[in-house]
N, C-alpha and C. Protein backbone atom coordinates (compact mmCIF):
# COMPACT_ATOMS: atom_id res chain seq x y z
N UNK A 1 -18.61 10.71 -26.89
CA UNK A 1 -16.95 10.55 -26.25
C UNK A 1 -16.45 9.48 -25.19
N UNK A 2 -17.79 8.94 -24.90
CA UNK A 2 -17.57 7.86 -23.63
C UNK A 2 -16.67 6.63 -24.17
N UNK A 3 -17.27 6.38 -25.79
CA UNK A 3 -16.67 5.41 -26.14
C UNK A 3 -14.92 6.27 -26.47
N UNK A 4 -14.21 7.28 -26.53
CA UNK A 4 -13.00 7.73 -27.36
C UNK A 4 -12.23 7.88 -25.96
N UNK A 5 -13.35 7.93 -24.55
CA UNK A 5 -12.41 7.98 -23.65
C UNK A 5 -11.93 6.86 -22.88
N UNK A 6 -12.72 6.14 -23.12
CA UNK A 6 -12.70 3.92 -23.02
C UNK A 6 -11.65 3.71 -24.20
N UNK A 7 -11.49 4.78 -25.23
CA UNK A 7 -10.06 3.36 -26.23
C UNK A 7 -8.80 4.28 -25.57
N UNK A 8 -8.89 5.87 -24.86
CA UNK A 8 -8.04 6.32 -24.21
C UNK A 8 -7.59 5.03 -23.16
N UNK A 9 -8.68 5.52 -22.10
CA UNK A 9 -8.13 4.22 -21.06
C UNK A 9 -7.63 3.31 -21.14
N UNK A 10 -8.10 2.40 -22.42
CA UNK A 10 -7.72 1.43 -22.64
C UNK A 10 -5.95 1.39 -23.29
N UNK A 11 -5.55 2.18 -23.87
CA UNK A 11 -4.20 2.30 -24.75
C UNK A 11 -3.55 2.26 -22.96
N UNK A 12 -3.68 3.28 -21.90
CA UNK A 12 -2.74 3.62 -20.79
C UNK A 12 -2.42 2.56 -20.19
N UNK A 13 -3.84 1.75 -20.56
CA UNK A 13 -3.42 -0.18 -19.51
C UNK A 13 -2.92 -0.87 -20.59
N UNK A 14 -2.88 -0.11 -21.78
CA UNK A 14 -1.91 -1.75 -22.77
C UNK A 14 -0.45 -1.30 -22.52
N UNK A 15 -0.19 0.01 -22.67
CA UNK A 15 0.73 -0.32 -21.88
C UNK A 15 1.04 -0.35 -20.34
N UNK A 16 0.06 0.37 -19.80
CA UNK A 16 0.97 -1.05 -18.13
C UNK A 16 1.43 -2.18 -18.61
N UNK A 17 0.38 -3.04 -19.31
CA UNK A 17 0.65 -4.56 -19.41
C UNK A 17 1.96 -4.48 -20.73
N UNK A 18 2.27 -3.95 -21.05
CA UNK A 18 3.11 -3.82 -22.04
C UNK A 18 4.41 -3.80 -21.57
N UNK A 19 4.38 -3.15 -20.20
CA UNK A 19 5.64 -3.30 -19.40
C UNK A 19 5.86 -4.12 -18.51
N UNK A 20 4.72 -4.60 -18.01
CA UNK A 20 4.60 -5.91 -17.45
C UNK A 20 5.09 -6.99 -18.52
N UNK A 21 4.62 -7.03 -19.09
CA UNK A 21 5.15 -8.40 -20.22
C UNK A 21 5.63 -8.09 -20.84
N UNK A 22 6.61 -7.61 -21.27
CA UNK A 22 6.97 -7.53 -22.71
C UNK A 22 8.13 -8.50 -23.31
N UNK A 23 7.02 -7.56 -25.23
CA UNK A 23 7.63 -9.15 -25.92
C UNK A 23 6.94 -10.33 -25.98
N UNK A 24 5.49 -9.64 -25.73
CA UNK A 24 4.68 -10.65 -25.61
C UNK A 24 3.66 -10.76 -27.18
N UNK A 25 3.48 -9.50 -27.69
CA UNK A 25 2.79 -9.58 -28.98
C UNK A 25 3.78 -10.16 -30.20
N UNK A 26 5.56 -9.69 -29.69
CA UNK A 26 5.95 -10.31 -30.65
C UNK A 26 6.50 -11.71 -30.45
N UNK A 27 5.93 -11.56 -30.05
CA UNK A 27 5.88 -13.41 -29.55
C UNK A 27 4.59 -14.23 -29.40
N UNK A 28 3.73 -13.47 -29.80
CA UNK A 28 2.11 -14.28 -29.99
C UNK A 28 2.70 -14.65 -31.73
N UNK A 29 3.31 -14.14 -32.47
CA UNK A 29 3.04 -14.80 -33.84
C UNK A 29 4.47 -15.69 -34.45
N UNK A 30 4.98 -16.08 -33.58
CA UNK A 30 5.88 -17.01 -33.41
C UNK A 30 7.43 -17.44 -34.33
N UNK A 31 7.41 -15.65 -34.65
CA UNK A 31 8.36 -14.91 -35.42
C UNK A 31 8.10 -15.33 -37.23
N UNK A 32 7.23 -15.20 -37.30
CA UNK A 32 6.50 -15.77 -38.60
C UNK A 32 6.49 -13.91 -39.35
N UNK A 33 6.57 -13.00 -38.62
CA UNK A 33 6.43 -11.71 -38.63
C UNK A 33 7.64 -11.19 -38.42
N UNK A 34 9.18 -11.84 -38.14
CA UNK A 34 10.37 -11.14 -37.24
C UNK A 34 10.77 -10.22 -38.90
N UNK A 35 11.11 -9.14 -37.97
CA UNK A 35 11.95 -8.43 -39.19
C UNK A 35 11.01 -7.55 -39.97
N UNK A 36 9.92 -7.86 -39.98
CA UNK A 36 8.38 -7.89 -41.21
C UNK A 36 7.86 -5.83 -40.85
N UNK A 37 7.77 -5.31 -39.71
CA UNK A 37 7.22 -4.48 -39.09
C UNK A 37 8.43 -3.50 -38.47
N UNK A 38 9.55 -4.32 -37.92
CA UNK A 38 10.78 -4.03 -37.18
C UNK A 38 10.17 -3.25 -36.04
N UNK A 39 9.60 -3.78 -34.77
CA UNK A 39 8.89 -2.70 -33.85
C UNK A 39 7.40 -2.17 -33.86
N UNK A 40 7.23 -2.26 -35.20
CA UNK A 40 5.48 -1.27 -35.96
C UNK A 40 4.44 -2.03 -34.95
N UNK A 41 4.43 -3.45 -34.83
CA UNK A 41 3.29 -3.78 -33.90
C UNK A 41 3.94 -4.54 -32.52
N UNK A 42 4.58 -3.58 -32.27
CA UNK A 42 5.27 -3.71 -30.46
C UNK A 42 4.01 -2.44 -29.56
N UNK A 43 3.60 -3.71 -28.49
CA UNK A 43 2.82 -3.19 -27.35
C UNK A 43 2.67 -1.47 -27.33
N UNK A 44 3.83 -1.23 -26.39
CA UNK A 44 3.94 0.22 -26.41
C UNK A 44 3.30 1.32 -28.14
N UNK A 45 3.93 1.05 -29.30
CA UNK A 45 3.30 1.33 -30.17
C UNK A 45 1.69 1.54 -30.24
N UNK A 46 1.42 0.11 -30.36
CA UNK A 46 -0.07 -0.09 -30.29
C UNK A 46 -0.54 0.49 -28.88
N UNK A 47 -0.16 0.76 -27.83
CA UNK A 47 -0.68 1.73 -26.81
C UNK A 47 -0.58 3.03 -26.80
N UNK A 48 0.20 3.22 -27.82
CA UNK A 48 0.32 4.87 -27.84
C UNK A 48 -0.74 5.40 -28.54
N UNK A 49 -0.86 4.30 -29.62
CA UNK A 49 -1.46 4.88 -30.91
C UNK A 49 -4.02 4.59 -30.10
N UNK A 50 -3.16 3.47 -29.37
CA UNK A 50 -4.78 3.42 -29.16
C UNK A 50 -5.18 4.87 -28.22
N UNK A 51 -4.37 5.20 -27.21
CA UNK A 51 -4.41 6.08 -26.05
C UNK A 51 -4.59 7.09 -26.70
N UNK A 52 -4.16 7.60 -27.89
CA UNK A 52 -4.15 8.83 -28.68
C UNK A 52 -5.51 9.23 -29.39
N UNK A 53 -5.26 8.19 -30.37
CA UNK A 53 -6.61 8.25 -31.19
C UNK A 53 -7.58 7.97 -29.48
N UNK A 54 -8.23 7.98 -28.70
CA UNK A 54 -9.58 7.69 -28.16
C UNK A 54 -9.17 9.10 -27.08
N UNK A 55 -8.11 9.50 -26.76
CA UNK A 55 -8.55 10.72 -26.27
C UNK A 55 -8.13 12.08 -27.12
N UNK A 56 -7.52 11.84 -28.70
CA UNK A 56 -7.56 12.82 -28.97
C UNK A 56 -8.98 12.97 -29.97
N UNK A 57 -9.87 11.64 -30.52
CA UNK A 57 -10.73 12.28 -30.43
C UNK A 57 -12.04 12.91 -29.34
N UNK A 58 -11.29 12.28 -27.99
CA UNK A 58 -12.42 12.93 -27.00
C UNK A 58 -12.65 14.35 -26.59
N UNK A 59 -10.84 14.92 -27.02
CA UNK A 59 -10.35 16.32 -26.80
C UNK A 59 -11.45 17.04 -27.78
N UNK A 60 -11.02 16.34 -29.33
CA UNK A 60 -12.06 17.41 -30.52
C UNK A 60 -13.39 17.34 -30.55
N UNK A 61 -13.92 15.67 -30.00
CA UNK A 61 -15.38 15.62 -30.35
C UNK A 61 -15.92 16.72 -29.02
N UNK A 62 -15.05 17.08 -27.79
CA UNK A 62 -15.77 17.56 -26.50
C UNK A 62 -15.38 19.28 -26.59
N UNK A 63 -14.12 19.44 -27.75
CA UNK A 63 -14.52 20.90 -27.58
C UNK A 63 -14.66 21.64 -29.24
N UNK A 64 -14.87 20.91 -29.66
CA UNK A 64 -15.21 21.96 -30.97
C UNK A 64 -16.64 21.61 -31.21
N UNK A 65 -17.26 20.29 -30.89
CA UNK A 65 -18.96 20.32 -31.50
C UNK A 65 -18.66 19.43 -32.71
N UNK A 66 -17.52 18.83 -33.59
CA UNK A 66 -18.07 18.74 -34.42
C UNK A 66 -18.27 17.06 -34.25
N UNK A 67 -18.65 16.53 -35.58
CA UNK A 67 -18.87 14.96 -35.54
C UNK A 67 -18.08 14.02 -34.96
N UNK A 68 -18.93 12.60 -35.21
CA UNK A 68 -17.48 11.15 -34.83
C UNK A 68 -16.84 11.04 -35.70
N UNK A 69 -17.31 11.67 -37.15
CA UNK A 69 -16.53 11.33 -38.04
C UNK A 69 -15.30 12.42 -37.83
N UNK A 70 -14.91 14.21 -37.44
CA UNK A 70 -13.98 14.25 -37.23
C UNK A 70 -13.20 14.12 -36.27
N UNK A 71 -13.89 13.78 -35.32
CA UNK A 71 -13.34 13.37 -33.99
C UNK A 71 -12.61 12.33 -34.51
N UNK A 72 -12.69 10.80 -34.39
CA UNK A 72 -12.47 9.49 -36.01
C UNK A 72 -10.79 9.94 -36.19
N UNK A 73 -11.42 11.37 -37.16
CA UNK A 73 -9.94 11.50 -37.61
C UNK A 73 -8.84 12.12 -37.34
N UNK A 74 -9.80 13.02 -36.26
CA UNK A 74 -8.20 13.45 -35.29
C UNK A 74 -7.96 12.78 -34.65
N UNK A 75 -8.29 11.71 -33.90
CA UNK A 75 -8.06 10.83 -33.10
C UNK A 75 -6.83 9.95 -33.91
N UNK A 76 -7.68 9.18 -35.17
CA UNK A 76 -6.11 8.36 -35.87
C UNK A 76 -5.10 9.39 -35.92
N UNK A 77 -5.29 10.50 -36.43
CA UNK A 77 -3.83 11.24 -36.92
C UNK A 77 -3.10 11.21 -35.77
N UNK A 78 -3.27 11.73 -33.97
CA UNK A 78 -3.15 12.09 -33.54
C UNK A 78 -2.32 10.72 -32.86
N UNK A 79 -2.96 9.48 -32.77
CA UNK A 79 -2.55 8.30 -32.44
C UNK A 79 -1.77 7.93 -33.14
N UNK A 80 -1.30 7.98 -35.19
CA UNK A 80 -0.05 8.20 -36.09
C UNK A 80 1.20 8.73 -35.85
N UNK A 81 0.74 9.87 -34.89
CA UNK A 81 2.00 10.25 -34.64
C UNK A 81 2.93 9.72 -33.35
N UNK A 82 1.31 10.30 -32.39
CA UNK A 82 1.54 9.03 -30.82
C UNK A 82 3.06 7.71 -31.62
N UNK A 83 2.11 6.82 -32.47
CA UNK A 83 2.71 5.36 -32.51
C UNK A 83 4.31 5.72 -33.23
N UNK A 84 4.60 7.11 -34.01
CA UNK A 84 5.27 7.03 -34.89
C UNK A 84 6.73 7.46 -33.91
N UNK A 85 6.13 8.39 -33.04
CA UNK A 85 7.40 8.76 -32.20
C UNK A 85 7.81 7.66 -30.90
N UNK A 86 6.53 6.61 -30.72
CA UNK A 86 6.84 5.59 -29.51
C UNK A 86 7.92 4.74 -30.56
N UNK A 87 7.74 4.26 -31.78
CA UNK A 87 8.46 3.94 -31.94
C UNK A 87 9.81 4.05 -32.38
N UNK A 88 10.22 5.59 -32.66
CA UNK A 88 11.59 6.21 -32.99
C UNK A 88 11.99 6.08 -31.52
N UNK A 89 11.67 6.42 -30.88
CA UNK A 89 12.29 6.96 -29.42
C UNK A 89 12.60 4.91 -29.17
N UNK A 90 11.76 4.36 -29.23
CA UNK A 90 12.32 2.64 -28.63
C UNK A 90 13.39 2.14 -29.37
N UNK A 91 13.43 2.96 -30.60
CA UNK A 91 14.35 1.76 -31.58
C UNK A 91 15.94 3.11 -31.20
N UNK A 92 15.64 4.45 -30.84
CA UNK A 92 17.25 4.69 -30.43
C UNK A 92 17.31 4.18 -28.94
N UNK A 93 16.79 3.81 -28.59
CA UNK A 93 16.76 3.33 -26.96
C UNK A 93 17.43 2.00 -27.00
N UNK A 94 17.03 1.24 -27.84
CA UNK A 94 17.33 0.21 -28.46
C UNK A 94 19.04 0.15 -29.13
N UNK A 95 19.25 1.39 -30.01
CA UNK A 95 20.22 1.66 -30.40
C UNK A 95 21.69 2.07 -29.33
N UNK A 96 21.48 1.98 -28.14
CA UNK A 96 22.37 3.19 -27.11
C UNK A 96 22.40 1.42 -26.93
N UNK A 97 24.11 1.75 -26.75
CA UNK A 97 25.47 1.29 -26.46
C UNK A 97 26.12 1.81 -25.66
N UNK A 98 26.59 0.68 -24.39
CA UNK A 98 27.44 0.99 -23.54
C UNK A 98 28.67 0.02 -24.07
N UNK A 99 29.80 0.29 -23.45
CA UNK A 99 30.93 0.42 -23.80
C UNK A 99 31.19 -0.84 -22.90
N UNK A 100 32.15 -1.87 -23.61
CA UNK A 100 32.12 -2.84 -23.01
C UNK A 100 32.54 -3.08 -21.38
N UNK A 101 31.83 -3.87 -21.26
CA UNK A 101 32.13 -3.97 -19.38
C UNK A 101 33.33 -4.90 -19.40
N UNK A 102 34.35 -4.02 -18.01
CA UNK A 102 35.74 -4.73 -18.05
C UNK A 102 35.95 -5.75 -17.75
N UNK A 103 36.81 -6.63 -17.48
CA UNK A 103 36.74 -7.72 -16.72
C UNK A 103 38.28 -8.03 -16.10
N UNK A 104 38.34 -9.06 -15.66
CA UNK A 104 39.98 -9.39 -15.03
C UNK A 104 40.55 -9.25 -15.57
N UNK A 105 40.74 -9.90 -16.92
CA UNK A 105 41.84 -10.18 -17.73
C UNK A 105 42.60 -8.35 -19.22
N UNK A 106 41.95 -7.98 -18.03
CA UNK A 106 41.87 -6.41 -18.74
C UNK A 106 42.64 -6.39 -18.01
N UNK A 107 43.36 -6.55 -16.57
CA UNK A 107 43.94 -5.95 -15.77
C UNK A 107 45.45 -6.33 -15.90
N UNK A 108 45.48 -7.81 -16.38
CA UNK A 108 46.61 -8.08 -16.91
C UNK A 108 47.82 -6.68 -17.82
N UNK A 109 48.75 -7.04 -17.17
CA UNK A 109 49.58 -5.34 -18.09
C UNK A 109 49.38 -4.15 -17.13
N UNK A 110 48.95 -4.04 -16.14
CA UNK A 110 49.30 -3.19 -15.18
C UNK A 110 49.34 -2.69 -14.58
N UNK A 111 49.53 -1.44 -13.75
CA UNK A 111 50.65 -1.01 -12.42
C UNK A 111 49.22 -0.55 -11.62
N UNK A 112 50.33 -1.34 -10.30
CA UNK A 112 49.28 -0.49 -9.21
C UNK A 112 51.02 -0.72 -7.72
N UNK A 113 49.90 -0.42 -6.64
CA UNK A 113 50.83 -0.57 -5.48
C UNK A 113 50.25 -1.97 -4.56
N UNK A 114 51.00 -2.06 -3.96
CA UNK A 114 50.46 -3.11 -2.94
C UNK A 114 50.29 -2.10 -1.44
N UNK A 115 49.12 -2.52 -1.44
CA UNK A 115 48.55 -1.98 -0.25
C UNK A 115 48.73 -2.75 1.42
N UNK A 116 48.70 -3.78 1.31
CA UNK A 116 48.91 -5.10 2.22
C UNK A 116 50.15 -5.89 1.55
N UNK A 117 51.07 -6.31 2.54
CA UNK A 117 52.30 -6.46 2.24
C UNK A 117 52.30 -8.28 1.60
N UNK A 118 52.76 -8.36 0.99
CA UNK A 118 52.72 -9.87 -0.34
C UNK A 118 53.80 -10.49 0.43
N UNK A 119 53.44 -11.98 1.48
CA UNK A 119 54.11 -12.65 1.83
C UNK A 119 55.04 -13.65 0.59
N UNK A 120 55.94 -14.49 0.27
CA UNK A 120 56.35 -15.05 -0.09
C UNK A 120 55.10 -15.88 -0.69
N UNK A 121 54.95 -16.11 -1.98
CA UNK A 121 53.84 -18.16 -2.00
C UNK A 121 52.83 -16.96 -1.23
N UNK A 122 52.49 -15.97 -0.38
CA UNK A 122 51.07 -15.88 0.28
C UNK A 122 50.65 -14.64 -0.29
N UNK A 123 49.18 -14.01 0.29
CA UNK A 123 48.77 -13.01 -0.85
C UNK A 123 48.35 -12.24 0.16
N UNK A 124 48.28 -11.22 -0.54
CA UNK A 124 48.28 -8.93 0.11
C UNK A 124 46.92 -8.96 -0.83
N UNK A 125 47.30 -7.28 -0.59
CA UNK A 125 46.78 -6.37 -1.35
C UNK A 125 47.56 -5.53 -1.94
N UNK A 126 46.77 -5.46 -3.13
CA UNK A 126 47.45 -4.85 -4.16
C UNK A 126 45.81 -3.42 -4.96
N UNK A 127 46.13 -1.88 -5.05
CA UNK A 127 45.50 -1.57 -5.88
C UNK A 127 45.31 -0.75 -6.99
N UNK A 128 44.43 -1.43 -8.00
CA UNK A 128 45.18 -0.56 -9.07
C UNK A 128 43.61 -0.33 -9.90
N UNK A 129 43.75 0.48 -10.84
CA UNK A 129 43.49 1.12 -12.14
C UNK A 129 42.55 0.60 -12.91
N UNK A 130 41.38 -0.03 -12.82
CA UNK A 130 40.59 -0.82 -14.12
C UNK A 130 39.54 0.73 -14.10
N UNK A 131 39.46 0.75 -15.70
CA UNK A 131 38.48 1.35 -16.22
C UNK A 131 38.64 3.00 -15.49
N UNK A 132 40.03 3.53 -14.93
CA UNK A 132 39.36 4.49 -14.38
C UNK A 132 39.37 4.64 -12.62
N UNK A 133 39.08 2.97 -12.74
CA UNK A 133 38.37 2.87 -11.48
C UNK A 133 39.32 2.12 -10.29
N UNK A 134 39.78 3.21 -8.69
CA UNK A 134 40.49 2.28 -8.29
C UNK A 134 39.67 1.04 -7.72
N UNK A 135 40.75 -0.34 -7.73
CA UNK A 135 39.75 -1.82 -7.54
C UNK A 135 41.09 -2.02 -6.48
N UNK A 136 40.96 -2.82 -5.51
CA UNK A 136 41.53 -3.33 -4.97
C UNK A 136 41.17 -4.68 -4.55
N UNK A 137 42.45 -5.45 -4.94
CA UNK A 137 42.40 -7.19 -5.22
C UNK A 137 43.53 -7.65 -3.83
N UNK A 138 43.46 -9.11 -4.15
CA UNK A 138 43.76 -9.80 -3.87
C UNK A 138 45.33 -10.12 -4.21
N UNK A 139 45.96 -10.32 -4.04
CA UNK A 139 47.42 -10.55 -5.19
C UNK A 139 48.26 -11.64 -4.48
N UNK A 140 48.68 -12.26 -5.41
CA UNK A 140 49.68 -13.37 -4.96
C UNK A 140 51.35 -12.92 -5.89
N UNK A 141 52.61 -13.12 -5.02
CA UNK A 141 53.50 -13.32 -5.69
C UNK A 141 54.96 -14.09 -5.10
N UNK A 142 55.30 -14.68 -6.41
CA UNK A 142 56.49 -15.76 -5.96
C UNK A 142 57.62 -14.98 -4.84
N UNK A 143 57.42 -13.70 -4.51
CA UNK A 143 58.79 -13.12 -4.18
C UNK A 143 57.77 -12.31 -2.65
N UNK A 144 58.75 -11.80 -1.92
CA UNK A 144 57.74 -11.62 -0.64
C UNK A 144 57.42 -9.95 -1.29
N UNK A 145 56.69 -8.88 -1.39
CA UNK A 145 57.04 -7.41 -1.78
C UNK A 145 55.83 -6.50 -0.28
N UNK A 146 56.94 -5.74 0.04
CA UNK A 146 56.50 -5.05 1.10
C UNK A 146 55.40 -3.95 0.65
N UNK A 147 54.60 -3.63 1.43
CA UNK A 147 53.44 -2.32 1.27
C UNK A 147 54.11 -1.06 0.44
N UNK A 148 53.84 -0.44 0.07
CA UNK A 148 53.78 0.60 -0.67
C UNK A 148 55.03 -0.04 -2.76
N UNK A 149 55.19 -0.80 -2.88
CA UNK A 149 56.15 -1.04 -3.68
C UNK A 149 55.40 -1.48 -4.61
N UNK A 150 56.13 -0.88 -5.64
CA UNK A 150 55.07 -0.35 -6.93
C UNK A 150 55.21 -2.16 -7.60
N UNK A 151 54.15 -2.27 -8.37
CA UNK A 151 53.73 -4.25 -9.18
C UNK A 151 53.45 -4.04 -10.16
N UNK A 152 53.54 -4.99 -10.75
CA UNK A 152 53.32 -5.08 -12.38
C UNK A 152 52.71 -6.41 -12.18
N UNK A 153 50.51 -6.27 -12.72
CA UNK A 153 49.97 -7.89 -13.05
C UNK A 153 50.80 -8.72 -13.76
N UNK A 154 50.58 -10.54 -13.62
CA UNK A 154 51.07 -10.70 -14.40
C UNK A 154 50.06 -11.48 -14.87
N UNK A 155 49.18 -12.00 -14.34
CA UNK A 155 47.98 -12.56 -14.29
C UNK A 155 46.86 -12.39 -13.79
N UNK A 156 45.98 -12.70 -14.22
CA UNK A 156 43.85 -12.79 -13.55
C UNK A 156 44.53 -14.18 -12.56
N UNK A 157 44.04 -14.34 -12.02
CA UNK A 157 43.79 -15.73 -10.75
C UNK A 157 42.58 -16.05 -10.95
N UNK A 158 41.93 -14.76 -10.44
CA UNK A 158 40.27 -15.11 -10.56
C UNK A 158 39.96 -13.76 -10.72
N UNK A 159 38.37 -13.65 -10.71
CA UNK A 159 38.28 -12.33 -10.77
C UNK A 159 37.86 -11.27 -9.34
N UNK A 160 39.02 -11.62 -8.21
CA UNK A 160 39.28 -10.97 -7.19
C UNK A 160 40.79 -11.07 -6.98
N UNK A 161 41.16 -11.90 -7.34
CA UNK A 161 43.27 -11.99 -7.11
C UNK A 161 43.88 -11.84 -8.58
N UNK A 162 45.33 -11.61 -8.44
CA UNK A 162 45.67 -11.45 -9.76
C UNK A 162 46.98 -12.01 -9.00
N UNK A 163 47.94 -12.65 -10.49
CA UNK A 163 49.45 -12.63 -9.91
C UNK A 163 49.98 -11.15 -10.53
N UNK A 164 51.00 -10.89 -8.98
CA UNK A 164 51.74 -9.46 -9.34
C UNK A 164 53.56 -9.85 -9.34
N UNK A 165 54.44 -9.06 -9.43
CA UNK A 165 55.84 -8.88 -9.64
C UNK A 165 55.94 -7.55 -9.32
N UNK A 166 57.27 -7.39 -8.68
CA UNK A 166 57.71 -5.80 -8.32
C UNK A 166 58.07 -5.31 -9.50
N UNK A 167 57.67 -3.91 -9.59
CA UNK A 167 58.58 -3.30 -10.84
C UNK A 167 60.07 -3.06 -10.70
N UNK A 168 61.05 -3.61 -12.05
CA UNK A 168 62.37 -3.45 -11.71
C UNK A 168 62.58 -2.15 -12.20
N UNK A 169 63.17 -1.22 -11.44
CA UNK A 169 63.54 0.43 -11.87
C UNK A 169 65.02 -0.27 -11.85
């Protein structure tokens, strides 16, 4: 029983270490096994197997009174299930893709309104919509633009400023 509990605790410790030292086991082989196991030899998978082998074996040994061989077989089965579930879960997390992060160039061609008047050749402020969120940016215009005027973004000068022109209707 002590051996099984020791294996279970070692699996938990290995899992904590895998969270701290992410990708160490994959890097130990220097790319030799790259893609061969596709994450099956990752530290979380091995930790899941080891901890369920230990705790599953300890539970079977302590509750049924069966021998060590039966407890080991049950622990290996529980460990394989835990390793497979960990592998599938980590693959699902790795496939989770987010949408593209909006950039300042995405503002070109959008319309907005002037929040702070823009003097000729100087800077004011405009309110624009970027990915559905309101964004207030510094704005420069060749002609003076009054507060509240609808504007059109001509170019992105930097990540925080744009060149605009008034919308003519």
